[in-house]
Amino acid sequence: MAKRDKDLFEKLRKSGVRKKVAGNLADAVGKVDGRKKAPKTAKKALEDFRALVGDLEDRVQGGPEKRKAAAKKGARTRKTKANARSKSAKKGARTRARAK
């Protein structure tokens, strides 16, 4: 039977991790000692948790709203610049037409 790190299991459960995931992680980490590498499942779970924490931090700091506002500003700027180019092109066309 796999050796399980009970403290880690309980800590994961208290932090809201599902029982099966917490058990798998505790089993995987329980097998690790000074001579062995951590199993791929434990490494993968750790990467997933890091990605999740990054997403949560981004949402807490208002990342999606900031990006949305920045995108709207960029679109507004592009539209303004396009109108200015169009206006200049029309003015140039009028000038060339009068020169003929």
PDB file of N, CA and C in Angstrom:
ATOM      1  N   MET A   1       0.837  -1.181   0.000  1.00  0.00           N
ATOM      2  CA  MET A   1       0.000   0.000   0.000  1.00  0.00           C
ATOM      3  C   MET A   1       0.884   1.248   0.000  1.00  0.00           C
ATOM      4  N   ALA A   2       0.402   2.262  -0.692  1.00  0.00           N
ATOM      5  CA  ALA A   2       1.190   3.491  -0.817  1.00  0.00           C
ATOM      6  C   ALA A   2       1.218   4.245   0.500  1.00  0.00           C
ATOM      7  N   LYS A   3       2.352   4.841   0.756  1.00  0.00           N
ATOM      8  CA  LYS A   3       2.511   5.635   1.961  1.00  0.00           C
ATOM      9  C   LYS A   3       1.874   7.001   1.704  1.00  0.00           C
ATOM     10  N   ARG A   4       1.060   7.472   2.619  1.00  0.00           N
ATOM     11  CA  ARG A   4       0.348   8.733   2.416  1.00  0.00           C
ATOM     12  C   ARG A   4       0.781   9.749   3.460  1.00  0.00           C
ATOM     13  N   ASP A   5       0.996  10.960   3.021  1.00  0.00           N
ATOM     14  CA  ASP A   5       1.326  12.058   3.919  1.00  0.00           C
ATOM     15  C   ASP A   5      -0.001  12.619   4.443  1.00  0.00           C
ATOM     16  N   LYS A   6      -0.391  12.186   5.652  1.00  0.00           N
ATOM     17  CA  LYS A   6      -1.708  12.546   6.187  1.00  0.00           C
ATOM     18  C   LYS A   6      -1.848  14.034   6.463  1.00  0.00           C
ATOM     19  N   ASP A   7      -0.785  14.670   6.924  1.00  0.00           N
ATOM     20  CA  ASP A   7      -0.856  16.112   7.179  1.00  0.00           C
ATOM     21  C   ASP A   7      -1.114  16.876   5.885  1.00  0.00           C
ATOM     22  N   LEU A   8      -0.424  16.481   4.831  1.00  0.00           N
ATOM     23  CA  LEU A   8      -0.617  17.128   3.534  1.00  0.00           C
ATOM     24  C   LEU A   8      -2.034  16.893   3.036  1.00  0.00           C
ATOM     25  N   PHE A   9      -2.517  15.666   3.183  1.00  0.00           N
ATOM     26  CA  PHE A   9      -3.875  15.337   2.756  1.00  0.00           C
ATOM     27  C   PHE A   9      -4.890  16.222   3.467  1.00  0.00           C
ATOM     28  N   GLU A  10      -4.765  16.330   4.779  1.00  0.00           N
ATOM     29  CA  GLU A  10      -5.710  17.147   5.552  1.00  0.00           C
ATOM     30  C   GLU A  10      -5.613  18.620   5.176  1.00  0.00           C
ATOM     31  N   LYS A  11      -4.406  19.095   4.965  1.00  0.00           N
ATOM     32  CA  LYS A  11      -4.211  20.501   4.592  1.00  0.00           C
ATOM     33  C   LYS A  11      -4.842  20.790   3.224  1.00  0.00           C
ATOM     34  N   LEU A  12      -4.649  19.874   2.282  1.00  0.00           N
ATOM     35  CA  LEU A  12      -5.247  20.047   0.959  1.00  0.00           C
ATOM     36  C   LEU A  12      -6.768  20.028   1.037  1.00  0.00           C
ATOM     37  N   ARG A  13      -7.309  19.121   1.834  1.00  0.00           N
ATOM     38  CA  ARG A  13      -8.764  19.034   1.980  1.00  0.00           C
ATOM     39  C   ARG A  13      -9.333  20.311   2.592  1.00  0.00           C
ATOM     40  N   LYS A  14      -8.639  20.854   3.608  1.00  0.00           N
ATOM     41  CA  LYS A  14      -9.109  22.082   4.251  1.00  0.00           C
ATOM     42  C   LYS A  14      -9.060  23.269   3.300  1.00  0.00           C
ATOM     43  N   SER A  15      -8.131  23.229   2.346  1.00  0.00           N
ATOM     44  CA  SER A  15      -8.024  24.343   1.402  1.00  0.00           C
ATOM     45  C   SER A  15      -8.974  24.186   0.216  1.00  0.00           C
ATOM     46  N   GLY A  16      -9.799  23.128   0.225  1.00  0.00           N
ATOM     47  CA  GLY A  16     -10.845  23.002  -0.781  1.00  0.00           C
ATOM     48  C   GLY A  16     -10.538  22.067  -1.933  1.00  0.00           C
ATOM     49  N   VAL A  17      -9.447  21.328  -1.845  1.00  0.00           N
ATOM     50  CA  VAL A  17      -9.107  20.388  -2.913  1.00  0.00           C
ATOM     51  C   VAL A  17      -9.976  19.148  -2.745  1.00  0.00           C
ATOM     52  N   ARG A  18     -10.428  18.606  -3.852  1.00  0.00           N
ATOM     53  CA  ARG A  18     -11.278  17.412  -3.789  1.00  0.00           C
ATOM     54  C   ARG A  18     -10.527  16.235  -3.169  1.00  0.00           C
ATOM     55  N   LYS A  19     -11.308  15.349  -2.565  1.00  0.00           N
ATOM     56  CA  LYS A  19     -10.730  14.243  -1.803  1.00  0.00           C
ATOM     57  C   LYS A  19      -9.828  13.355  -2.659  1.00  0.00           C
ATOM     58  N   LYS A  20     -10.287  13.024  -3.861  1.00  0.00           N
ATOM     59  CA  LYS A  20      -9.502  12.128  -4.713  1.00  0.00           C
ATOM     60  C   LYS A  20      -8.188  12.792  -5.137  1.00  0.00           C
ATOM     61  N   VAL A  21      -8.265  14.069  -5.504  1.00  0.00           N
ATOM     62  CA  VAL A  21      -7.053  14.791  -5.917  1.00  0.00           C
ATOM     63  C   VAL A  21      -6.092  14.910  -4.741  1.00  0.00           C
ATOM     64  N   ALA A  22      -6.629  15.267  -3.575  1.00  0.00           N
ATOM     65  CA  ALA A  22      -5.787  15.398  -2.383  1.00  0.00           C
ATOM     66  C   ALA A  22      -5.137  14.057  -2.040  1.00  0.00           C
ATOM     67  N   GLY A  23      -5.890  12.981  -2.153  1.00  0.00           N
ATOM     68  CA  GLY A  23      -5.343  11.654  -1.873  1.00  0.00           C
ATOM     69  C   GLY A  23      -4.240  11.272  -2.848  1.00  0.00           C
ATOM     70  N   ASN A  24      -4.480  11.540  -4.134  1.00  0.00           N
ATOM     71  CA  ASN A  24      -3.458  11.222  -5.138  1.00  0.00           C
ATOM     72  C   ASN A  24      -2.183  12.020  -4.901  1.00  0.00           C
ATOM     73  N   LEU A  25      -2.330  13.292  -4.580  1.00  0.00           N
ATOM     74  CA  LEU A  25      -1.155  14.123  -4.310  1.00  0.00           C
ATOM     75  C   LEU A  25      -0.419  13.649  -3.063  1.00  0.00           C
ATOM     76  N   ALA A  26      -1.166  13.367  -2.017  1.00  0.00           N
ATOM     77  CA  ALA A  26      -0.545  12.919  -0.770  1.00  0.00           C
ATOM     78  C   ALA A  26       0.172  11.586  -0.980  1.00  0.00           C
ATOM     79  N   ASP A  27      -0.427  10.698  -1.769  1.00  0.00           N
ATOM     80  CA  ASP A  27       0.224   9.417  -2.074  1.00  0.00           C
ATOM     81  C   ASP A  27       1.511   9.640  -2.861  1.00  0.00           C
ATOM     82  N   ALA A  28       1.434  10.508  -3.861  1.00  0.00           N
ATOM     83  CA  ALA A  28       2.602  10.750  -4.714  1.00  0.00           C
ATOM     84  C   ALA A  28       3.739  11.377  -3.923  1.00  0.00           C
ATOM     85  N   VAL A  29       3.418  12.340  -3.091  1.00  0.00           N
ATOM     86  CA  VAL A  29       4.450  13.014  -2.307  1.00  0.00           C
ATOM     87  C   VAL A  29       4.945  12.104  -1.189  1.00  0.00           C
ATOM     88  N   GLY A  30       4.086  11.236  -0.689  1.00  0.00           N
ATOM     89  CA  GLY A  30       4.491  10.311   0.362  1.00  0.00           C
ATOM     90  C   GLY A  30       5.543   9.321  -0.105  1.00  0.00           C
ATOM     91  N   LYS A  31       5.581   9.052  -1.413  1.00  0.00           N
ATOM     92  CA  LYS A  31       6.555   8.114  -1.972  1.00  0.00           C
ATOM     93  C   LYS A  31       7.931   8.754  -2.140  1.00  0.00           C
ATOM     94  N   VAL A  32       7.980  10.072  -2.117  1.00  0.00           N
ATOM     95  CA  VAL A  32       9.238  10.778  -2.376  1.00  0.00           C
ATOM     96  C   VAL A  32      10.085  10.806  -1.115  1.00  0.00           C
ATOM     97  N   ASP A  33      11.332  10.430  -1.276  1.00  0.00           N
ATOM     98  CA  ASP A  33      12.290  10.619  -0.194  1.00  0.00           C
ATOM     99  C   ASP A  33      13.530  11.261  -0.810  1.00  0.00           C
ATOM    100  N   GLY A  34      14.619  11.287  -0.115  1.00  0.00           N
ATOM    101  CA  GLY A  34      15.810  11.972  -0.598  1.00  0.00           C
ATOM    102  C   GLY A  34      16.414  11.381  -1.858  1.00  0.00           C
ATOM    103  N   ARG A  35      16.130  10.114  -2.149  1.00  0.00           N
ATOM    104  CA  ARG A  35      16.779   9.458  -3.289  1.00  0.00           C
ATOM    105  C   ARG A  35      15.930   9.466  -4.546  1.00  0.00           C
ATOM    106  N   LYS A  36      14.621   9.600  -4.397  1.00  0.00           N
ATOM    107  CA  LYS A  36      13.734   9.479  -5.552  1.00  0.00           C
ATOM    108  C   LYS A  36      13.268  10.846  -6.043  1.00  0.00           C
ATOM    109  N   LYS A  37      12.951  10.889  -7.325  1.00  0.00           N
ATOM    110  CA  LYS A  37      12.352  12.090  -7.898  1.00  0.00           C
ATOM    111  C   LYS A  37      10.848  12.053  -7.635  1.00  0.00           C
ATOM    112  N   ALA A  38      10.235  13.226  -7.672  1.00  0.00           N
ATOM    113  CA  ALA A  38       8.784  13.289  -7.514  1.00  0.00           C
ATOM    114  C   ALA A  38       8.127  12.685  -8.757  1.00  0.00           C
ATOM    115  N   PRO A  39       7.051  11.938  -8.581  1.00  0.00           N
ATOM    116  CA  PRO A  39       6.364  11.346  -9.731  1.00  0.00           C
ATOM    117  C   PRO A  39       5.794  12.422 -10.655  1.00  0.00           C
ATOM    118  N   LYS A  40       5.580  12.032 -11.905  1.00  0.00           N
ATOM    119  CA  LYS A  40       5.060  12.980 -12.894  1.00  0.00           C
ATOM    120  C   LYS A  40       3.695  13.518 -12.487  1.00  0.00           C
ATOM    121  N   THR A  41       2.879  12.680 -11.843  1.00  0.00           N
ATOM    122  CA  THR A  41       1.549  13.143 -11.442  1.00  0.00           C
ATOM    123  C   THR A  41       1.647  14.287 -10.447  1.00  0.00           C
ATOM    124  N   ALA A  42       2.589  14.187  -9.520  1.00  0.00           N
ATOM    125  CA  ALA A  42       2.757  15.253  -8.529  1.00  0.00           C
ATOM    126  C   ALA A  42       3.255  16.529  -9.200  1.00  0.00           C
ATOM    127  N   LYS A  43       4.191  16.389 -10.130  1.00  0.00           N
ATOM    128  CA  LYS A  43       4.706  17.563 -10.840  1.00  0.00           C
ATOM    129  C   LYS A  43       3.613  18.217 -11.669  1.00  0.00           C
ATOM    130  N   LYS A  44       2.805  17.399 -12.336  1.00  0.00           N
ATOM    131  CA  LYS A  44       1.712  17.921 -13.168  1.00  0.00           C
ATOM    132  C   LYS A  44       0.696  18.649 -12.301  1.00  0.00           C
ATOM    133  N   ALA A  45       0.347  18.068 -11.169  1.00  0.00           N
ATOM    134  CA  ALA A  45      -0.611  18.705 -10.267  1.00  0.00           C
ATOM    135  C   ALA A  45      -0.067  20.034  -9.757  1.00  0.00           C
ATOM    136  N   LEU A  46       1.210  20.071  -9.455  1.00  0.00           N
ATOM    137  CA  LEU A  46       1.839  21.309  -8.987  1.00  0.00           C
ATOM    138  C   LEU A  46       1.783  22.384 -10.067  1.00  0.00           C
ATOM    139  N   GLU A  47       2.041  22.016 -11.323  1.00  0.00           N
ATOM    140  CA  GLU A  47       1.939  22.973 -12.428  1.00  0.00           C
ATOM    141  C   GLU A  47       0.508  23.497 -12.560  1.00  0.00           C
ATOM    142  N   ASP A  48      -0.468  22.587 -12.423  1.00  0.00           N
ATOM    143  CA  ASP A  48      -1.873  22.995 -12.514  1.00  0.00           C
ATOM    144  C   ASP A  48      -2.234  23.976 -11.405  1.00  0.00           C
ATOM    145  N   PHE A  49      -1.759  23.696 -10.187  1.00  0.00           N
ATOM    146  CA  PHE A  49      -2.045  24.599  -9.069  1.00  0.00           C
ATOM    147  C   PHE A  49      -1.401  25.964  -9.289  1.00  0.00           C
ATOM    148  N   ARG A  50      -0.193  25.976  -9.814  1.00  0.00           N
ATOM    149  CA  ARG A  50       0.479  27.254 -10.088  1.00  0.00           C
ATOM    150  C   ARG A  50      -0.301  28.064 -11.117  1.00  0.00           C
ATOM    151  N   ALA A  51      -0.782  27.389 -12.160  1.00  0.00           N
ATOM    152  CA  ALA A  51      -1.569  28.078 -13.185  1.00  0.00           C
ATOM    153  C   ALA A  51      -2.864  28.624 -12.583  1.00  0.00           C
ATOM    154  N   LEU A  52      -3.488  27.824 -11.726  1.00  0.00           N
ATOM    155  CA  LEU A  52      -4.724  28.255 -11.079  1.00  0.00           C
ATOM    156  C   LEU A  52      -4.488  29.467 -10.191  1.00  0.00           C
ATOM    157  N   VAL A  53      -3.420  29.445  -9.426  1.00  0.00           N
ATOM    158  CA  VAL A  53      -3.092  30.578  -8.552  1.00  0.00           C
ATOM    159  C   VAL A  53      -2.832  31.827  -9.392  1.00  0.00           C
ATOM    160  N   GLY A  54      -2.141  31.669 -10.504  1.00  0.00           N
ATOM    161  CA  GLY A  54      -1.888  32.806 -11.391  1.00  0.00           C
ATOM    162  C   GLY A  54      -3.175  33.407 -11.923  1.00  0.00           C
ATOM    163  N   ASP A  55      -4.111  32.541 -12.333  1.00  0.00           N
ATOM    164  CA  ASP A  55      -5.407  33.026 -12.819  1.00  0.00           C
ATOM    165  C   ASP A  55      -6.175  33.746 -11.721  1.00  0.00           C
ATOM    166  N   LEU A  56      -6.161  33.181 -10.511  1.00  0.00           N
ATOM    167  CA  LEU A  56      -6.872  33.813  -9.396  1.00  0.00           C
ATOM    168  C   LEU A  56      -6.281  35.179  -9.063  1.00  0.00           C
ATOM    169  N   GLU A  57      -4.952  35.272  -9.025  1.00  0.00           N
ATOM    170  CA  GLU A  57      -4.311  36.558  -8.744  1.00  0.00           C
ATOM    171  C   GLU A  57      -4.676  37.585  -9.810  1.00  0.00           C
ATOM    172  N   ASP A  58      -4.711  37.153 -11.063  1.00  0.00           N
ATOM    173  CA  ASP A  58      -5.057  38.051 -12.163  1.00  0.00           C
ATOM    174  C   ASP A  58      -6.478  38.582 -11.990  1.00  0.00           C
ATOM    175  N   ARG A  59      -7.400  37.703 -11.629  1.00  0.00           N
ATOM    176  CA  ARG A  59      -8.791  38.133 -11.450  1.00  0.00           C
ATOM    177  C   ARG A  59      -8.956  39.055 -10.246  1.00  0.00           C
ATOM    178  N   VAL A  60      -8.250  38.752  -9.166  1.00  0.00           N
ATOM    179  CA  VAL A  60      -8.342  39.584  -7.963  1.00  0.00           C
ATOM    180  C   VAL A  60      -7.817  40.988  -8.242  1.00  0.00           C
ATOM    181  N   GLN A  61      -6.779  41.084  -9.054  1.00  0.00           N
ATOM    182  CA  GLN A  61      -6.183  42.377  -9.366  1.00  0.00           C
ATOM    183  C   GLN A  61      -6.899  43.089 -10.510  1.00  0.00           C
ATOM    184  N   GLY A  62      -8.005  42.515 -11.000  1.00  0.00           N
ATOM    185  CA  GLY A  62      -8.798  43.180 -12.030  1.00  0.00           C
ATOM    186  C   GLY A  62      -8.223  43.052 -13.423  1.00  0.00           C
ATOM    187  N   GLY A  63      -7.499  41.998 -13.690  1.00  0.00           N
ATOM    188  CA  GLY A  63      -6.851  41.817 -14.987  1.00  0.00           C
ATOM    189  C   GLY A  63      -7.792  41.829 -16.176  1.00  0.00           C
ATOM    190  N   PRO A  64      -8.872  41.035 -16.159  1.00  0.00           N
ATOM    191  CA  PRO A  64      -9.760  41.016 -17.325  1.00  0.00           C
ATOM    192  C   PRO A  64     -10.378  42.384 -17.622  1.00  0.00           C
ATOM    193  N   GLU A  65     -10.760  43.112 -16.579  1.00  0.00           N
ATOM    194  CA  GLU A  65     -11.357  44.429 -16.791  1.00  0.00           C
ATOM    195  C   GLU A  65     -10.330  45.404 -17.359  1.00  0.00           C
ATOM    196  N   LYS A  66      -9.103  45.323 -16.840  1.00  0.00           N
ATOM    197  CA  LYS A  66      -8.045  46.207 -17.351  1.00  0.00           C
ATOM    198  C   LYS A  66      -7.772  45.922 -18.820  1.00  0.00           C
ATOM    199  N   ARG A  67      -7.705  44.642 -19.169  1.00  0.00           N
ATOM    200  CA  ARG A  67      -7.436  44.291 -20.564  1.00  0.00           C
ATOM    201  C   ARG A  67      -8.581  44.721 -21.463  1.00  0.00           C
ATOM    202  N   LYS A  68      -9.809  44.572 -20.957  1.00  0.00           N
ATOM    203  CA  LYS A  68     -10.972  44.973 -21.746  1.00  0.00           C
ATOM    204  C   LYS A  68     -10.949  46.477 -22.003  1.00  0.00           C
ATOM    205  N   ALA A  69     -10.644  47.250 -20.966  1.00  0.00           N
ATOM    206  CA  ALA A  69     -10.575  48.705 -21.114  1.00  0.00           C
ATOM    207  C   ALA A  69      -9.451  49.094 -22.074  1.00  0.00           C
ATOM    208  N   ALA A  70      -8.317  48.431 -21.969  1.00  0.00           N
ATOM    209  CA  ALA A  70      -7.190  48.727 -22.856  1.00  0.00           C
ATOM    210  C   ALA A  70      -7.538  48.386 -24.303  1.00  0.00           C
ATOM    211  N   ALA A  71      -8.245  47.286 -24.509  1.00  0.00           N
ATOM    212  CA  ALA A  71      -8.642  46.895 -25.860  1.00  0.00           C
ATOM    213  C   ALA A  71      -9.608  47.912 -26.454  1.00  0.00           C
ATOM    214  N   LYS A  72     -10.551  48.396 -25.635  1.00  0.00           N
ATOM    215  CA  LYS A  72     -11.495  49.411 -26.116  1.00  0.00           C
ATOM    216  C   LYS A  72     -10.766  50.696 -26.483  1.00  0.00           C
ATOM    217  N   LYS A  73      -9.806  51.091 -25.655  1.00  0.00           N
ATOM    218  CA  LYS A  73      -9.039  52.305 -25.941  1.00  0.00           C
ATOM    219  C   LYS A  73      -8.261  52.140 -27.242  1.00  0.00           C
ATOM    220  N   GLY A  74      -7.654  50.980 -27.429  1.00  0.00           N
ATOM    221  CA  GLY A  74      -6.909  50.721 -28.660  1.00  0.00           C
ATOM    222  C   GLY A  74      -7.809  50.775 -29.881  1.00  0.00           C
ATOM    223  N   ALA A  75      -8.998  50.186 -29.774  1.00  0.00           N
ATOM    224  CA  ALA A  75      -9.942  50.203 -30.892  1.00  0.00           C
ATOM    225  C   ALA A  75     -10.383  51.630 -31.200  1.00  0.00           C
ATOM    226  N   ARG A  76     -10.630  52.401 -30.158  1.00  0.00           N
ATOM    227  CA  ARG A  76     -11.042  53.798 -30.335  1.00  0.00           C
ATOM    228  C   ARG A  76      -9.934  54.597 -31.022  1.00  0.00           C
ATOM    229  N   THR A  77      -8.701  54.368 -30.610  1.00  0.00           N
ATOM    230  CA  THR A  77      -7.558  55.065 -31.211  1.00  0.00           C
ATOM    231  C   THR A  77      -7.409  54.689 -32.682  1.00  0.00           C
ATOM    232  N   ARG A  78      -7.519  53.404 -32.987  1.00  0.00           N
ATOM    233  CA  ARG A  78      -7.397  52.965 -34.388  1.00  0.00           C
ATOM    234  C   ARG A  78      -8.482  53.582 -35.249  1.00  0.00           C
ATOM    235  N   LYS A  79      -9.685  53.652 -34.714  1.00  0.00           N
ATOM    236  CA  LYS A  79     -10.803  54.240 -35.464  1.00  0.00           C
ATOM    237  C   LYS A  79     -10.552  55.723 -35.728  1.00  0.00           C
ATOM    238  N   THR A  80     -10.081  56.444 -34.706  1.00  0.00           N
ATOM    239  CA  THR A  80      -9.788  57.872 -34.855  1.00  0.00           C
ATOM    240  C   THR A  80      -8.700  58.092 -35.900  1.00  0.00           C
ATOM    241  N   LYS A  81      -7.642  57.302 -35.821  1.00  0.00           N
ATOM    242  CA  LYS A  81      -6.534  57.436 -36.782  1.00  0.00           C
ATOM    243  C   LYS A  81      -6.996  57.103 -38.198  1.00  0.00           C
ATOM    244  N   ALA A  82      -7.843  56.092 -38.348  1.00  0.00           N
ATOM    245  CA  ALA A  82      -8.352  55.721 -39.669  1.00  0.00           C
ATOM    246  C   ALA A  82      -9.192  56.854 -40.250  1.00  0.00           C
ATOM    247  N   ASN A  83     -10.018  57.480 -39.414  1.00  0.00           N
ATOM    248  CA  ASN A  83     -10.823  58.614 -39.886  1.00  0.00           C
ATOM    249  C   ASN A  83      -9.931  59.771 -40.317  1.00  0.00           C
ATOM    250  N   ALA A  84      -8.874  60.026 -39.565  1.00  0.00           N
ATOM    251  CA  ALA A  84      -7.950  61.111 -39.920  1.00  0.00           C
ATOM    252  C   ALA A  84      -7.262  60.813 -41.251  1.00  0.00           C
ATOM    253  N   ARG A  85      -6.828  59.565 -41.458  1.00  0.00           N
ATOM    254  CA  ARG A  85      -6.196  59.199 -42.730  1.00  0.00           C
ATOM    255  C   ARG A  85      -7.170  59.345 -43.885  1.00  0.00           C
ATOM    256  N   SER A  86      -8.402  58.924 -43.655  1.00  0.00           N
ATOM    257  CA  SER A  86      -9.421  59.024 -44.697  1.00  0.00           C
ATOM    258  C   SER A  86      -9.683  60.481 -45.061  1.00  0.00           C
ATOM    259  N   LYS A  87      -9.791  61.314 -44.043  1.00  0.00           N
ATOM    260  CA  LYS A  87     -10.032  62.744 -44.272  1.00  0.00           C
ATOM    261  C   LYS A  87      -8.881  63.357 -45.065  1.00  0.00           C
ATOM    262  N   SER A  88      -7.650  63.015 -44.701  1.00  0.00           N
ATOM    263  CA  SER A  88      -6.474  63.530 -45.414  1.00  0.00           C
ATOM    264  C   SER A  88      -6.447  63.035 -46.854  1.00  0.00           C
ATOM    265  N   ALA A  89      -6.790  61.777 -47.068  1.00  0.00           N
ATOM    266  CA  ALA A  89      -6.798  61.214 -48.416  1.00  0.00           C
ATOM    267  C   ALA A  89      -7.838  61.916 -49.284  1.00  0.00           C
ATOM    268  N   LYS A  90      -9.009  62.184 -48.714  1.00  0.00           N
ATOM    269  CA  LYS A  90     -10.062  62.883 -49.467  1.00  0.00           C
ATOM    270  C   LYS A  90      -9.622  64.299 -49.815  1.00  0.00           C
ATOM    271  N   LYS A  91      -8.971  64.955 -48.871  1.00  0.00           N
ATOM    272  CA  LYS A  91      -8.481  66.317 -49.120  1.00  0.00           C
ATOM    273  C   LYS A  91      -7.438  66.304 -50.235  1.00  0.00           C
ATOM    274  N   GLY A  92      -6.525  65.337 -50.191  1.00  0.00           N
ATOM    275  CA  GLY A  92      -5.512  65.217 -51.244  1.00  0.00           C
ATOM    276  C   GLY A  92      -6.142  64.938 -52.596  1.00  0.00           C
ATOM    277  N   ALA A  93      -7.167  64.086 -52.616  1.00  0.00           N
ATOM    278  CA  ALA A  93      -7.849  63.772 -53.875  1.00  0.00           C
ATOM    279  C   ALA A  93      -8.527  65.013 -54.446  1.00  0.00           C
ATOM    280  N   ARG A  94      -9.138  65.822 -53.587  1.00  0.00           N
ATOM    281  CA  ARG A  94      -9.779  67.068 -54.045  1.00  0.00           C
ATOM    282  C   ARG A  94      -8.736  68.018 -54.629  1.00  0.00           C
ATOM    283  N   THR A  95      -7.604  68.118 -53.944  1.00  0.00           N
ATOM    284  CA  THR A  95      -6.531  69.009 -54.401  1.00  0.00           C
ATOM    285  C   THR A  95      -6.008  68.556 -55.759  1.00  0.00           C
ATOM    286  N   ARG A  96      -5.794  67.260 -55.927  1.00  0.00           N
ATOM    287  CA  ARG A  96      -5.303  66.744 -57.204  1.00  0.00           C
ATOM    288  C   ARG A  96      -6.334  66.931 -58.305  1.00  0.00           C
ATOM    289  N   ALA A  97      -7.612  66.795 -57.958  1.00  0.00           N
ATOM    290  CA  ALA A  97      -8.673  66.969 -58.956  1.00  0.00           C
ATOM    291  C   ALA A  97      -8.726  68.420 -59.433  1.00  0.00           C
ATOM    292  N   ARG A  98      -8.533  69.383 -58.531  1.00  0.00           N
ATOM    293  CA  ARG A  98      -8.552  70.801 -58.905  1.00  0.00           C
ATOM    294  C   ARG A  98      -7.319  71.171 -59.724  1.00  0.00           C
ATOM    295  N   ALA A  99      -6.221  70.473 -59.519  1.00  0.00           N
ATOM    296  CA  ALA A  99      -4.974  70.799 -60.210  1.00  0.00           C
ATOM    297  C   ALA A  99      -5.026  70.420 -61.686  1.00  0.00           C
ATOM    298  N   LYS A 100      -5.906  69.531 -62.084  1.00  0.00           N
ATOM    299  CA  LYS A 100      -5.970  69.084 -63.484  1.00  0.00           C
ATOM    300  C   LYS A 100      -6.473  70.134 -64.404  1.00  0.00           C
TER     301      LYS A 100
END
